[in-house]
Amino acid sequence: MAGRFALYTDADIRGPLIEALRQRGWDIVRAIDVFPEGTEDHIHFEWAAREGRVFVAHDLHQNKAAQAWLRQGRPFLGFLTWPQRRHRKWSEGEMVEAFEKLAAEDEPFQSAYPIRYLPLP
């Protein structure tokens, strides 16, 4: 079913993007709101999975964690990422539109492969 999904954002996701998504009605919990700085990556991934939130990060370590969970058959709602080098090039507006486009899909995070790469121009 199409619609916005609850997000958990890694500490390196830009504040203006988070604010822009919130203004559009997205439900977002930031890593810094739940855990102290320096918390190990796997703890963030586990929390997002347990809380039924799509984990948003452009960190290679988190991508590896998502791949490991898939190999182990551990369930999680979704993991959304994009190349870190592009993070500085895309505007918040472009990124918000990409999130909205993804939310319009019937099943953006299929249980067989719940890892998605943000579809930006």
PDB file of N, CA and C in Angstrom:
ATOM      1  N   MET A   1       0.841  -1.172   0.000  1.00  0.00           N
ATOM      2  CA  MET A   1       0.000   0.000   0.000  1.00  0.00           C
ATOM      3  C   MET A   1       0.893   1.244   0.000  1.00  0.00           C
ATOM      4  N   ALA A   2       0.570   2.181  -0.848  1.00  0.00           N
ATOM      5  CA  ALA A   2       1.339   3.410  -0.945  1.00  0.00           C
ATOM      6  C   ALA A   2       1.108   4.271   0.291  1.00  0.00           C
ATOM      7  N   GLY A   3       2.100   5.072   0.625  1.00  0.00           N
ATOM      8  CA  GLY A   3       1.992   5.995   1.751  1.00  0.00           C
ATOM      9  C   GLY A   3       3.324   6.190   2.427  1.00  0.00           C
ATOM     10  N   ARG A   4       3.396   7.233   3.204  1.00  0.00           N
ATOM     11  CA  ARG A   4       4.639   7.521   3.909  1.00  0.00           C
ATOM     12  C   ARG A   4       4.921   6.452   4.958  1.00  0.00           C
ATOM     13  N   PHE A   5       6.174   6.196   5.157  1.00  0.00           N
ATOM     14  CA  PHE A   5       6.627   5.205   6.130  1.00  0.00           C
ATOM     15  C   PHE A   5       7.444   5.925   7.191  1.00  0.00           C
ATOM     16  N   ALA A   6       7.435   5.407   8.401  1.00  0.00           N
ATOM     17  CA  ALA A   6       8.173   6.017   9.511  1.00  0.00           C
ATOM     18  C   ALA A   6       9.672   5.876   9.274  1.00  0.00           C
ATOM     19  N   LEU A   7      10.423   6.939   9.564  1.00  0.00           N
ATOM     20  CA  LEU A   7      11.859   6.968   9.309  1.00  0.00           C
ATOM     21  C   LEU A   7      12.675   7.067  10.597  1.00  0.00           C
ATOM     22  N   TYR A   8      13.869   6.498  10.540  1.00  0.00           N
ATOM     23  CA  TYR A   8      14.888   6.669  11.578  1.00  0.00           C
ATOM     24  C   TYR A   8      16.138   7.108  10.837  1.00  0.00           C
ATOM     25  N   THR A   9      16.622   8.317  11.117  1.00  0.00           N
ATOM     26  CA  THR A   9      17.744   8.847  10.351  1.00  0.00           C
ATOM     27  C   THR A   9      19.054   8.768  11.105  1.00  0.00           C
ATOM     28  N   ASP A  10      20.067   8.364  10.387  1.00  0.00           N
ATOM     29  CA  ASP A  10      21.425   8.308  10.919  1.00  0.00           C
ATOM     30  C   ASP A  10      21.887   9.732  11.230  1.00  0.00           C
ATOM     31  N   ALA A  11      22.893   9.861  12.056  1.00  0.00           N
ATOM     32  CA  ALA A  11      23.368  11.166  12.518  1.00  0.00           C
ATOM     33  C   ALA A  11      23.904  12.046  11.388  1.00  0.00           C
ATOM     34  N   ASP A  12      24.329  11.448  10.281  1.00  0.00           N
ATOM     35  CA  ASP A  12      24.924  12.265   9.224  1.00  0.00           C
ATOM     36  C   ASP A  12      23.923  12.754   8.173  1.00  0.00           C
ATOM     37  N   ILE A  13      22.642  12.566   8.402  1.00  0.00           N
ATOM     38  CA  ILE A  13      21.636  13.098   7.482  1.00  0.00           C
ATOM     39  C   ILE A  13      21.446  14.580   7.817  1.00  0.00           C
ATOM     40  N   ARG A  14      21.506  15.419   6.798  1.00  0.00           N
ATOM     41  CA  ARG A  14      21.448  16.871   6.985  1.00  0.00           C
ATOM     42  C   ARG A  14      20.170  17.332   7.678  1.00  0.00           C
ATOM     43  N   GLY A  15      20.333  18.247   8.620  1.00  0.00           N
ATOM     44  CA  GLY A  15      19.198  18.827   9.332  1.00  0.00           C
ATOM     45  C   GLY A  15      18.165  19.466   8.426  1.00  0.00           C
ATOM     46  N   PRO A  16      18.565  20.243   7.414  1.00  0.00           N
ATOM     47  CA  PRO A  16      17.574  20.852   6.535  1.00  0.00           C
ATOM     48  C   PRO A  16      16.713  19.815   5.794  1.00  0.00           C
ATOM     49  N   LEU A  17      17.278  18.669   5.460  1.00  0.00           N
ATOM     50  CA  LEU A  17      16.494  17.616   4.820  1.00  0.00           C
ATOM     51  C   LEU A  17      15.463  17.065   5.802  1.00  0.00           C
ATOM     52  N   ILE A  18      15.882  16.828   7.023  1.00  0.00           N
ATOM     53  CA  ILE A  18      14.961  16.314   8.042  1.00  0.00           C
ATOM     54  C   ILE A  18      13.819  17.305   8.256  1.00  0.00           C
ATOM     55  N   GLU A  19      14.145  18.587   8.362  1.00  0.00           N
ATOM     56  CA  GLU A  19      13.107  19.600   8.569  1.00  0.00           C
ATOM     57  C   GLU A  19      12.165  19.684   7.377  1.00  0.00           C
ATOM     58  N   ALA A  20      12.706  19.600   6.171  1.00  0.00           N
ATOM     59  CA  ALA A  20      11.863  19.655   4.971  1.00  0.00           C
ATOM     60  C   ALA A  20      10.911  18.460   4.922  1.00  0.00           C
ATOM     61  N   LEU A  21      11.394  17.282   5.282  1.00  0.00           N
ATOM     62  CA  LEU A  21      10.536  16.099   5.306  1.00  0.00           C
ATOM     63  C   LEU A  21       9.461  16.238   6.384  1.00  0.00           C
ATOM     64  N   ARG A  22       9.836  16.716   7.534  1.00  0.00           N
ATOM     65  CA  ARG A  22       8.857  16.910   8.615  1.00  0.00           C
ATOM     66  C   ARG A  22       7.771  17.901   8.205  1.00  0.00           C
ATOM     67  N   GLN A  23       8.156  18.959   7.504  1.00  0.00           N
ATOM     68  CA  GLN A  23       7.172  19.938   7.037  1.00  0.00           C
ATOM     69  C   GLN A  23       6.172  19.311   6.070  1.00  0.00           C
ATOM     70  N   ARG A  24       6.599  18.263   5.385  1.00  0.00           N
ATOM     71  CA  ARG A  24       5.703  17.547   4.463  1.00  0.00           C
ATOM     72  C   ARG A  24       4.922  16.446   5.175  1.00  0.00           C
ATOM     73  N   GLY A  25       5.114  16.292   6.483  1.00  0.00           N
ATOM     74  CA  GLY A  25       4.325  15.334   7.250  1.00  0.00           C
ATOM     75  C   GLY A  25       4.985  13.996   7.529  1.00  0.00           C
ATOM     76  N   TRP A  26       6.267  13.882   7.268  1.00  0.00           N
ATOM     77  CA  TRP A  26       6.961  12.617   7.527  1.00  0.00           C
ATOM     78  C   TRP A  26       7.213  12.454   9.025  1.00  0.00           C
ATOM     79  N   ASP A  27       7.080  11.214   9.501  1.00  0.00           N
ATOM     80  CA  ASP A  27       7.350  10.835  10.883  1.00  0.00           C
ATOM     81  C   ASP A  27       8.823  10.429  10.958  1.00  0.00           C
ATOM     82  N   ILE A  28       9.622  11.254  11.647  1.00  0.00           N
ATOM     83  CA  ILE A  28      11.069  11.026  11.682  1.00  0.00           C
ATOM     84  C   ILE A  28      11.580  11.027  13.122  1.00  0.00           C
ATOM     85  N   VAL A  29      12.397  10.022  13.422  1.00  0.00           N
ATOM     86  CA  VAL A  29      13.166   9.990  14.668  1.00  0.00           C
ATOM     87  C   VAL A  29      14.625  10.018  14.243  1.00  0.00           C
ATOM     88  N   ARG A  30      15.373  10.941  14.850  1.00  0.00           N
ATOM     89  CA  ARG A  30      16.797  11.036  14.530  1.00  0.00           C
ATOM     90  C   ARG A  30      17.606  10.186  15.515  1.00  0.00           C
ATOM     91  N   ALA A  31      18.707   9.642  15.055  1.00  0.00           N
ATOM     92  CA  ALA A  31      19.577   8.827  15.912  1.00  0.00           C
ATOM     93  C   ALA A  31      19.983   9.603  17.155  1.00  0.00           C
ATOM     94  N   ILE A  32      20.284  10.862  16.993  1.00  0.00           N
ATOM     95  CA  ILE A  32      20.742  11.691  18.113  1.00  0.00           C
ATOM     96  C   ILE A  32      19.652  11.893  19.158  1.00  0.00           C
ATOM     97  N   ASP A  33      18.384  11.702  18.771  1.00  0.00           N
ATOM     98  CA  ASP A  33      17.269  11.823  19.713  1.00  0.00           C
ATOM     99  C   ASP A  33      17.119  10.590  20.601  1.00  0.00           C
ATOM    100  N   VAL A  34      17.725   9.482  20.186  1.00  0.00           N
ATOM    101  CA  VAL A  34      17.549   8.219  20.894  1.00  0.00           C
ATOM    102  C   VAL A  34      18.822   7.763  21.609  1.00  0.00           C
ATOM    103  N   PHE A  35      19.962   7.965  20.971  1.00  0.00           N
ATOM    104  CA  PHE A  35      21.228   7.464  21.510  1.00  0.00           C
ATOM    105  C   PHE A  35      22.272   8.575  21.571  1.00  0.00           C
ATOM    106  N   PRO A  36      23.244   8.443  22.457  1.00  0.00           N
ATOM    107  CA  PRO A  36      24.320   9.441  22.509  1.00  0.00           C
ATOM    108  C   PRO A  36      25.245   9.320  21.296  1.00  0.00           C
ATOM    109  N   GLU A  37      25.915  10.413  20.999  1.00  0.00           N
ATOM    110  CA  GLU A  37      26.881  10.414  19.906  1.00  0.00           C
ATOM    111  C   GLU A  37      27.925   9.332  20.163  1.00  0.00           C
ATOM    112  N   GLY A  38      28.338   8.646  19.108  1.00  0.00           N
ATOM    113  CA  GLY A  38      29.338   7.598  19.241  1.00  0.00           C
ATOM    114  C   GLY A  38      28.766   6.210  19.447  1.00  0.00           C
ATOM    115  N   THR A  39      27.432   6.097  19.479  1.00  0.00           N
ATOM    116  CA  THR A  39      26.805   4.786  19.622  1.00  0.00           C
ATOM    117  C   THR A  39      27.152   3.937  18.399  1.00  0.00           C
ATOM    118  N   GLU A  40      27.437   2.673  18.626  1.00  0.00           N
ATOM    119  CA  GLU A  40      27.839   1.786  17.532  1.00  0.00           C
ATOM    120  C   GLU A  40      26.737   1.641  16.493  1.00  0.00           C
ATOM    121  N   ASP A  41      27.151   1.526  15.224  1.00  0.00           N
ATOM    122  CA  ASP A  41      26.216   1.477  14.099  1.00  0.00           C
ATOM    123  C   ASP A  41      25.163   0.388  14.233  1.00  0.00           C
ATOM    124  N   HIS A  42      25.562  -0.803  14.640  1.00  0.00           N
ATOM    125  CA  HIS A  42      24.610  -1.913  14.668  1.00  0.00           C
ATOM    126  C   HIS A  42      23.457  -1.655  15.645  1.00  0.00           C
ATOM    127  N   ILE A  43      23.699  -0.877  16.683  1.00  0.00           N
ATOM    128  CA  ILE A  43      22.647  -0.566  17.654  1.00  0.00           C
ATOM    129  C   ILE A  43      21.560   0.278  16.994  1.00  0.00           C
ATOM    130  N   HIS A  44      21.966   1.209  16.151  1.00  0.00           N
ATOM    131  CA  HIS A  44      20.989   2.027  15.424  1.00  0.00           C
ATOM    132  C   HIS A  44      20.133   1.162  14.501  1.00  0.00           C
ATOM    133  N   PHE A  45      20.781   0.270  13.796  1.00  0.00           N
ATOM    134  CA  PHE A  45      20.053  -0.590  12.863  1.00  0.00           C
ATOM    135  C   PHE A  45      19.052  -1.470  13.623  1.00  0.00           C
ATOM    136  N   GLU A  46      19.498  -2.042  14.726  1.00  0.00           N
ATOM    137  CA  GLU A  46      18.608  -2.885  15.543  1.00  0.00           C
ATOM    138  C   GLU A  46      17.410  -2.100  16.058  1.00  0.00           C
ATOM    139  N   TRP A  47      17.636  -0.860  16.492  1.00  0.00           N
ATOM    140  CA  TRP A  47      16.546  -0.050  17.025  1.00  0.00           C
ATOM    141  C   TRP A  47      15.512   0.247  15.939  1.00  0.00           C
ATOM    142  N   ALA A  48      15.983   0.654  14.775  1.00  0.00           N
ATOM    143  CA  ALA A  48      15.065   0.952  13.664  1.00  0.00           C
ATOM    144  C   ALA A  48      14.254  -0.280  13.289  1.00  0.00           C
ATOM    145  N   ALA A  49      14.898  -1.433  13.242  1.00  0.00           N
ATOM    146  CA  ALA A  49      14.195  -2.677  12.897  1.00  0.00           C
ATOM    147  C   ALA A  49      13.144  -3.012  13.953  1.00  0.00           C
ATOM    148  N   ARG A  50      13.515  -2.921  15.202  1.00  0.00           N
ATOM    149  CA  ARG A  50      12.596  -3.243  16.302  1.00  0.00           C
ATOM    150  C   ARG A  50      11.393  -2.296  16.328  1.00  0.00           C
ATOM    151  N   GLU A  51      11.620  -1.019  16.005  1.00  0.00           N
ATOM    152  CA  GLU A  51      10.560  -0.013  16.048  1.00  0.00           C
ATOM    153  C   GLU A  51       9.750   0.071  14.758  1.00  0.00           C
ATOM    154  N   GLY A  52      10.088  -0.750  13.764  1.00  0.00           N
ATOM    155  CA  GLY A  52       9.340  -0.752  12.513  1.00  0.00           C
ATOM    156  C   GLY A  52       9.528   0.507  11.690  1.00  0.00           C
ATOM    157  N   ARG A  53      10.739   1.033  11.698  1.00  0.00           N
ATOM    158  CA  ARG A  53      11.060   2.241  10.946  1.00  0.00           C
ATOM    159  C   ARG A  53      12.054   1.930   9.843  1.00  0.00           C
ATOM    160  N   VAL A  54      11.932   2.650   8.753  1.00  0.00           N
ATOM    161  CA  VAL A  54      12.914   2.544   7.675  1.00  0.00           C
ATOM    162  C   VAL A  54      14.138   3.331   8.117  1.00  0.00           C
ATOM    163  N   PHE A  55      15.279   2.671   8.089  1.00  0.00           N
ATOM    164  CA  PHE A  55      16.529   3.318   8.486  1.00  0.00           C
ATOM    165  C   PHE A  55      17.080   4.065   7.282  1.00  0.00           C
ATOM    166  N   VAL A  56      17.372   5.352   7.463  1.00  0.00           N
ATOM    167  CA  VAL A  56      17.885   6.214   6.396  1.00  0.00           C
ATOM    168  C   VAL A  56      19.319   6.587   6.727  1.00  0.00           C
ATOM    169  N   ALA A  57      20.246   6.219   5.847  1.00  0.00           N
ATOM    170  CA  ALA A  57      21.662   6.525   6.057  1.00  0.00           C
ATOM    171  C   ALA A  57      22.390   6.484   4.729  1.00  0.00           C
ATOM    172  N   HIS A  58      23.439   7.257   4.623  1.00  0.00           N
ATOM    173  CA  HIS A  58      24.293   7.146   3.434  1.00  0.00           C
ATOM    174  C   HIS A  58      25.705   6.751   3.854  1.00  0.00           C
ATOM    175  N   ASP A  59      25.760   5.964   4.902  1.00  0.00           N
ATOM    176  CA  ASP A  59      26.988   5.491   5.509  1.00  0.00           C
ATOM    177  C   ASP A  59      27.262   4.064   5.015  1.00  0.00           C
ATOM    178  N   LEU A  60      28.433   3.828   4.498  1.00  0.00           N
ATOM    179  CA  LEU A  60      28.798   2.507   3.980  1.00  0.00           C
ATOM    180  C   LEU A  60      28.674   1.430   5.047  1.00  0.00           C
ATOM    181  N   HIS A  61      28.981   1.754   6.294  1.00  0.00           N
ATOM    182  CA  HIS A  61      28.890   0.768   7.375  1.00  0.00           C
ATOM    183  C   HIS A  61      27.441   0.322   7.586  1.00  0.00           C
ATOM    184  N   GLN A  62      26.512   1.257   7.501  1.00  0.00           N
ATOM    185  CA  GLN A  62      25.106   0.888   7.676  1.00  0.00           C
ATOM    186  C   GLN A  62      24.616   0.053   6.493  1.00  0.00           C
ATOM    187  N   ASN A  63      25.095   0.345   5.315  1.00  0.00           N
ATOM    188  CA  ASN A  63      24.745  -0.456   4.145  1.00  0.00           C
ATOM    189  C   ASN A  63      25.223  -1.891   4.347  1.00  0.00           C
ATOM    190  N   LYS A  64      26.417  -2.045   4.872  1.00  0.00           N
ATOM    191  CA  LYS A  64      26.944  -3.384   5.155  1.00  0.00           C
ATOM    192  C   LYS A  64      26.098  -4.089   6.216  1.00  0.00           C
ATOM    193  N   ALA A  65      25.632  -3.341   7.207  1.00  0.00           N
ATOM    194  CA  ALA A  65      24.774  -3.924   8.249  1.00  0.00           C
ATOM    195  C   ALA A  65      23.473  -4.430   7.641  1.00  0.00           C
ATOM    196  N   ALA A  66      22.879  -3.645   6.756  1.00  0.00           N
ATOM    197  CA  ALA A  66      21.634  -4.063   6.102  1.00  0.00           C
ATOM    198  C   ALA A  66      21.859  -5.330   5.281  1.00  0.00           C
ATOM    199  N   GLN A  67      22.955  -5.391   4.549  1.00  0.00           N
ATOM    200  CA  GLN A  67      23.277  -6.579   3.752  1.00  0.00           C
ATOM    201  C   GLN A  67      23.480  -7.801   4.656  1.00  0.00           C
ATOM    202  N   ALA A  68      24.140  -7.597   5.791  1.00  0.00           N
ATOM    203  CA  ALA A  68      24.365  -8.700   6.732  1.00  0.00           C
ATOM    204  C   ALA A  68      23.035  -9.205   7.292  1.00  0.00           C
ATOM    205  N   TRP A  69      22.127  -8.295   7.654  1.00  0.00           N
ATOM    206  CA  TRP A  69      20.820  -8.719   8.160  1.00  0.00           C
ATOM    207  C   TRP A  69      20.085  -9.538   7.108  1.00  0.00           C
ATOM    208  N   LEU A  70      20.173  -9.142   5.850  1.00  0.00           N
ATOM    209  CA  LEU A  70      19.524  -9.919   4.785  1.00  0.00           C
ATOM    210  C   LEU A  70      20.101 -11.323   4.710  1.00  0.00           C
ATOM    211  N   ARG A  71      21.428 -11.419   4.707  1.00  0.00           N
ATOM    212  CA  ARG A  71      22.075 -12.739   4.632  1.00  0.00           C
ATOM    213  C   ARG A  71      21.680 -13.622   5.806  1.00  0.00           C
ATOM    214  N   GLN A  72      21.493 -13.018   6.980  1.00  0.00           N
ATOM    215  CA  GLN A  72      21.149 -13.766   8.188  1.00  0.00           C
ATOM    216  C   GLN A  72      19.648 -14.056   8.284  1.00  0.00           C
ATOM    217  N   GLY A  73      18.876 -13.503   7.370  1.00  0.00           N
ATOM    218  CA  GLY A  73      17.431 -13.721   7.397  1.00  0.00           C
ATOM    219  C   GLY A  73      16.725 -12.972   8.512  1.00  0.00           C
ATOM    220  N   ARG A  74      17.339 -11.913   9.017  1.00  0.00           N
ATOM    221  CA  ARG A  74      16.743 -11.106  10.088  1.00  0.00           C
ATOM    222  C   ARG A  74      15.803 -10.072   9.469  1.00  0.00           C
ATOM    223  N   PRO A  75      14.590  -9.988   9.952  1.00  0.00           N
ATOM    224  CA  PRO A  75      13.632  -9.060   9.346  1.00  0.00           C
ATOM    225  C   PRO A  75      13.856  -7.604   9.746  1.00  0.00           C
ATOM    226  N   PHE A  76      13.605  -6.712   8.809  1.00  0.00           N
ATOM    227  CA  PHE A  76      13.578  -5.267   9.066  1.00  0.00           C
ATOM    228  C   PHE A  76      12.698  -4.641   8.002  1.00  0.00           C
ATOM    229  N   LEU A  77      12.064  -3.518   8.365  1.00  0.00           N
ATOM    230  CA  LEU A  77      11.123  -2.888   7.450  1.00  0.00           C
ATOM    231  C   LEU A  77      11.799  -2.395   6.191  1.00  0.00           C
ATOM    232  N   GLY A  78      12.899  -1.680   6.350  1.00  0.00           N
ATOM    233  CA  GLY A  78      13.578  -1.167   5.172  1.00  0.00           C
ATOM    234  C   GLY A  78      14.829  -0.386   5.521  1.00  0.00           C
ATOM    235  N   PHE A  79      15.671  -0.244   4.515  1.00  0.00           N
ATOM    236  CA  PHE A  79      16.882   0.553   4.614  1.00  0.00           C
ATOM    237  C   PHE A  79      16.952   1.391   3.351  1.00  0.00           C
ATOM    238  N   LEU A  80      17.078   2.711   3.519  1.00  0.00           N
ATOM    239  CA  LEU A  80      17.122   3.641   2.396  1.00  0.00           C
ATOM    240  C   LEU A  80      18.455   4.363   2.409  1.00  0.00           C
ATOM    241  N   THR A  81      19.136   4.353   1.288  1.00  0.00           N
ATOM    242  CA  THR A  81      20.475   4.930   1.222  1.00  0.00           C
ATOM    243  C   THR A  81      20.700   5.583  -0.140  1.00  0.00           C
ATOM    244  N   TRP A  82      21.824   6.230  -0.290  1.00  0.00           N
ATOM    245  CA  TRP A  82      22.277   6.822  -1.546  1.00  0.00           C
ATOM    246  C   TRP A  82      23.767   7.060  -1.404  1.00  0.00           C
ATOM    247  N   PRO A  83      24.464   7.236  -2.527  1.00  0.00           N
ATOM    248  CA  PRO A  83      25.918   7.441  -2.448  1.00  0.00           C
ATOM    249  C   PRO A  83      26.269   8.709  -1.674  1.00  0.00           C
ATOM    250  N   GLN A  84      27.186   8.602  -0.742  1.00  0.00           N
ATOM    251  CA  GLN A  84      27.573   9.723   0.103  1.00  0.00           C
ATOM    252  C   GLN A  84      28.107  10.891  -0.723  1.00  0.00           C
ATOM    253  N   ARG A  85      28.825  10.604  -1.782  1.00  0.00           N
ATOM    254  CA  ARG A  85      29.413  11.680  -2.580  1.00  0.00           C
ATOM    255  C   ARG A  85      28.337  12.547  -3.238  1.00  0.00           C
ATOM    256  N   ARG A  86      27.158  11.979  -3.451  1.00  0.00           N
ATOM    257  CA  ARG A  86      26.067  12.742  -4.057  1.00  0.00           C
ATOM    258  C   ARG A  86      25.267  13.533  -3.027  1.00  0.00           C
ATOM    259  N   HIS A  87      25.429  13.202  -1.766  1.00  0.00           N
ATOM    260  CA  HIS A  87      24.660  13.841  -0.705  1.00  0.00           C
ATOM    261  C   HIS A  87      24.850  15.356  -0.723  1.00  0.00           C
ATOM    262  N   ARG A  88      26.052  15.801  -1.033  1.00  0.00           N
ATOM    263  CA  ARG A  88      26.332  17.240  -1.045  1.00  0.00           C
ATOM    264  C   ARG A  88      25.843  17.926  -2.300  1.00  0.00           C
ATOM    265  N   LYS A  89      25.569  17.170  -3.355  1.00  0.00           N
ATOM    266  CA  LYS A  89      25.175  17.759  -4.640  1.00  0.00           C
ATOM    267  C   LYS A  89      23.670  17.946  -4.774  1.00  0.00           C
ATOM    268  N   TRP A  90      22.891  17.101  -4.133  1.00  0.00           N
ATOM    269  CA  TRP A  90      21.447  17.177  -4.281  1.00  0.00           C
ATOM    270  C   TRP A  90      20.860  18.203  -3.336  1.00  0.00           C
ATOM    271  N   SER A  91      19.877  18.935  -3.811  1.00  0.00           N
ATOM    272  CA  SER A  91      19.200  19.901  -2.946  1.00  0.00           C
ATOM    273  C   SER A  91      18.200  19.174  -2.060  1.00  0.00           C
ATOM    274  N   GLU A  92      17.793  19.835  -0.981  1.00  0.00           N
ATOM    275  CA  GLU A  92      16.779  19.249  -0.109  1.00  0.00           C
ATOM    276  C   GLU A  92      15.490  19.018  -0.897  1.00  0.00           C
ATOM    277  N   GLY A  93      15.151  19.972  -1.769  1.00  0.00           N
ATOM    278  CA  GLY A  93      13.944  19.813  -2.580  1.00  0.00           C
ATOM    279  C   GLY A  93      13.978  18.565  -3.444  1.00  0.00           C
ATOM    280  N   GLU A  94      15.109  18.307  -4.083  1.00  0.00           N
ATOM    281  CA  GLU A  94      15.248  17.106  -4.909  1.00  0.00           C
ATOM    282  C   GLU A  94      15.121  15.847  -4.058  1.00  0.00           C
ATOM    283  N   MET A  95      15.708  15.890  -2.885  1.00  0.00           N
ATOM    284  CA  MET A  95      15.667  14.720  -2.017  1.00  0.00           C
ATOM    285  C   MET A  95      14.255  14.473  -1.486  1.00  0.00           C
ATOM    286  N   VAL A  96      13.568  15.531  -1.075  1.00  0.00           N
ATOM    287  CA  VAL A  96      12.193  15.383  -0.590  1.00  0.00           C
ATOM    288  C   VAL A  96      11.313  14.801  -1.692  1.00  0.00           C
ATOM    289  N   GLU A  97      11.459  15.292  -2.900  1.00  0.00           N
ATOM    290  CA  GLU A  97      10.662  14.760  -4.010  1.00  0.00           C
ATOM    291  C   GLU A  97      10.950  13.278  -4.242  1.00  0.00           C
ATOM    292  N   ALA A  98      12.206  12.876  -4.080  1.00  0.00           N
ATOM    293  CA  ALA A  98      12.556  11.461  -4.230  1.00  0.00           C
ATOM    294  C   ALA A  98      11.910  10.617  -3.132  1.00  0.00           C
ATOM    295  N   PHE A  99      11.887  11.126  -1.910  1.00  0.00           N
ATOM    296  CA  PHE A  99      11.206  10.422  -0.819  1.00  0.00           C
ATOM    297  C   PHE A  99       9.718  10.288  -1.136  1.00  0.00           C
ATOM    298  N   GLU A 100       9.107  11.371  -1.605  1.00  0.00           N
ATOM    299  CA  GLU A 100       7.677  11.355  -1.927  1.00  0.00           C
ATOM    300  C   GLU A 100       7.382  10.369  -3.057  1.00  0.00           C
ATOM    301  N   LYS A 101       8.255  10.332  -4.038  1.00  0.00           N
ATOM    302  CA  LYS A 101       8.073   9.402  -5.158  1.00  0.00           C
ATOM    303  C   LYS A 101       8.137   7.958  -4.657  1.00  0.00           C
ATOM    304  N   LEU A 102       9.050   7.685  -3.774  1.00  0.00           N
ATOM    305  CA  LEU A 102       9.181   6.349  -3.204  1.00  0.00           C
ATOM    306  C   LEU A 102       7.935   5.983  -2.392  1.00  0.00           C
ATOM    307  N   ALA A 103       7.427   6.938  -1.629  1.00  0.00           N
ATOM    308  CA  ALA A 103       6.234   6.693  -0.812  1.00  0.00           C
ATOM    309  C   ALA A 103       5.003   6.428  -1.673  1.00  0.00           C
ATOM    310  N   ALA A 104       4.998   6.906  -2.901  1.00  0.00           N
ATOM    311  CA  ALA A 104       3.861   6.698  -3.799  1.00  0.00           C
ATOM    312  C   ALA A 104       3.822   5.284  -4.380  1.00  0.00           C
ATOM    313  N   GLU A 105       4.912   4.559  -4.253  1.00  0.00           N
ATOM    314  CA  GLU A 105       4.949   3.178  -4.750  1.00  0.00           C
ATOM    315  C   GLU A 105       4.077   2.284  -3.870  1.00  0.00           C
ATOM    316  N   ASP A 106       3.525   1.238  -4.475  1.00  0.00           N
ATOM    317  CA  ASP A 106       2.680   0.316  -3.714  1.00  0.00           C
ATOM    318  C   ASP A 106       3.452  -0.398  -2.607  1.00  0.00           C
ATOM    319  N   GLU A 107       4.618  -0.905  -2.900  1.00  0.00           N
ATOM    320  CA  GLU A 107       5.441  -1.603  -1.903  1.00  0.00           C
ATOM    321  C   GLU A 107       6.899  -1.177  -2.082  1.00  0.00           C
ATOM    322  N   PRO A 108       7.254  -0.024  -1.516  1.00  0.00           N
ATOM    323  CA  PRO A 108       8.622   0.455  -1.733  1.00  0.00           C
ATOM    324  C   PRO A 108       9.696  -0.426  -1.105  1.00  0.00           C
ATOM    325  N   PHE A 109       9.341  -1.138  -0.039  1.00  0.00           N
ATOM    326  CA  PHE A 109      10.321  -1.996   0.632  1.00  0.00           C
ATOM    327  C   PHE A 109       9.772  -3.415   0.670  1.00  0.00           C
ATOM    328  N   GLN A 110      10.039  -4.156  -0.392  1.00  0.00           N
ATOM    329  CA  GLN A 110       9.573  -5.535  -0.458  1.00  0.00           C
ATOM    330  C   GLN A 110      10.329  -6.373   0.561  1.00  0.00           C
ATOM    331  N   SER A 111       9.613  -7.268   1.198  1.00  0.00           N
ATOM    332  CA  SER A 111      10.229  -8.072   2.256  1.00  0.00           C
ATOM    333  C   SER A 111      11.389  -8.927   1.753  1.00  0.00           C
ATOM    334  N   ALA A 112      11.384  -9.302   0.491  1.00  0.00           N
ATOM    335  CA  ALA A 112      12.473 -10.125  -0.034  1.00  0.00           C
ATOM    336  C   ALA A 112      13.768  -9.322  -0.173  1.00  0.00           C
ATOM    337  N   TYR A 113      13.655  -8.037  -0.442  1.00  0.00           N
ATOM    338  CA  TYR A 113      14.838  -7.180  -0.560  1.00  0.00           C
ATOM    339  C   TYR A 113      14.474  -5.766  -0.120  1.00  0.00           C
ATOM    340  N   PRO A 114      14.506  -5.503   1.204  1.00  0.00           N
ATOM    341  CA  PRO A 114      14.056  -4.221   1.732  1.00  0.00           C
ATOM    342  C   PRO A 114      15.103  -3.107   1.706  1.00  0.00           C
ATOM    343  N   ILE A 115      16.082  -3.210   0.835  1.00  0.00           N
ATOM    344  CA  ILE A 115      17.103  -2.176   0.703  1.00  0.00           C
ATOM    345  C   ILE A 115      16.813  -1.393  -0.569  1.00  0.00           C
ATOM    346  N   ARG A 116      16.724  -0.073  -0.444  1.00  0.00           N
ATOM    347  CA  ARG A 116      16.456   0.775  -1.605  1.00  0.00           C
ATOM    348  C   ARG A 116      17.490   1.888  -1.678  1.00  0.00           C
ATOM    349  N   TYR A 117      17.781   2.289  -2.892  1.00  0.00           N
ATOM    350  CA  TYR A 117      18.663   3.403  -3.145  1.00  0.00           C
ATOM    351  C   TYR A 117      17.798   4.558  -3.621  1.00  0.00           C
ATOM    352  N   LEU A 118      17.929   5.699  -2.983  1.00  0.00           N
ATOM    353  CA  LEU A 118      17.079   6.835  -3.270  1.00  0.00           C
ATOM    354  C   LEU A 118      17.195   7.194  -4.744  1.00  0.00           C
ATOM    355  N   PRO A 119      16.073   7.184  -5.458  1.00  0.00           N
ATOM    356  CA  PRO A 119      16.103   7.432  -6.908  1.00  0.00           C
ATOM    357  C   PRO A 119      16.110   8.925  -7.215  1.00  0.00           C
ATOM    358  N   LEU A 120      17.299   9.484  -7.334  1.00  0.00           N
ATOM    359  CA  LEU A 120      17.441  10.891  -7.652  1.00  0.00           C
ATOM    360  C   LEU A 120      18.036  11.061  -9.048  1.00  0.00           C
ATOM    361  N   PRO A 121      17.836  12.255  -9.620  1.00  0.00           N
ATOM    362  CA  PRO A 121      18.367  12.497 -10.978  1.00  0.00           C
ATOM    363  C   PRO A 121      19.882  12.456 -11.037  1.00  0.00           C
TER     364      PRO A 121
END
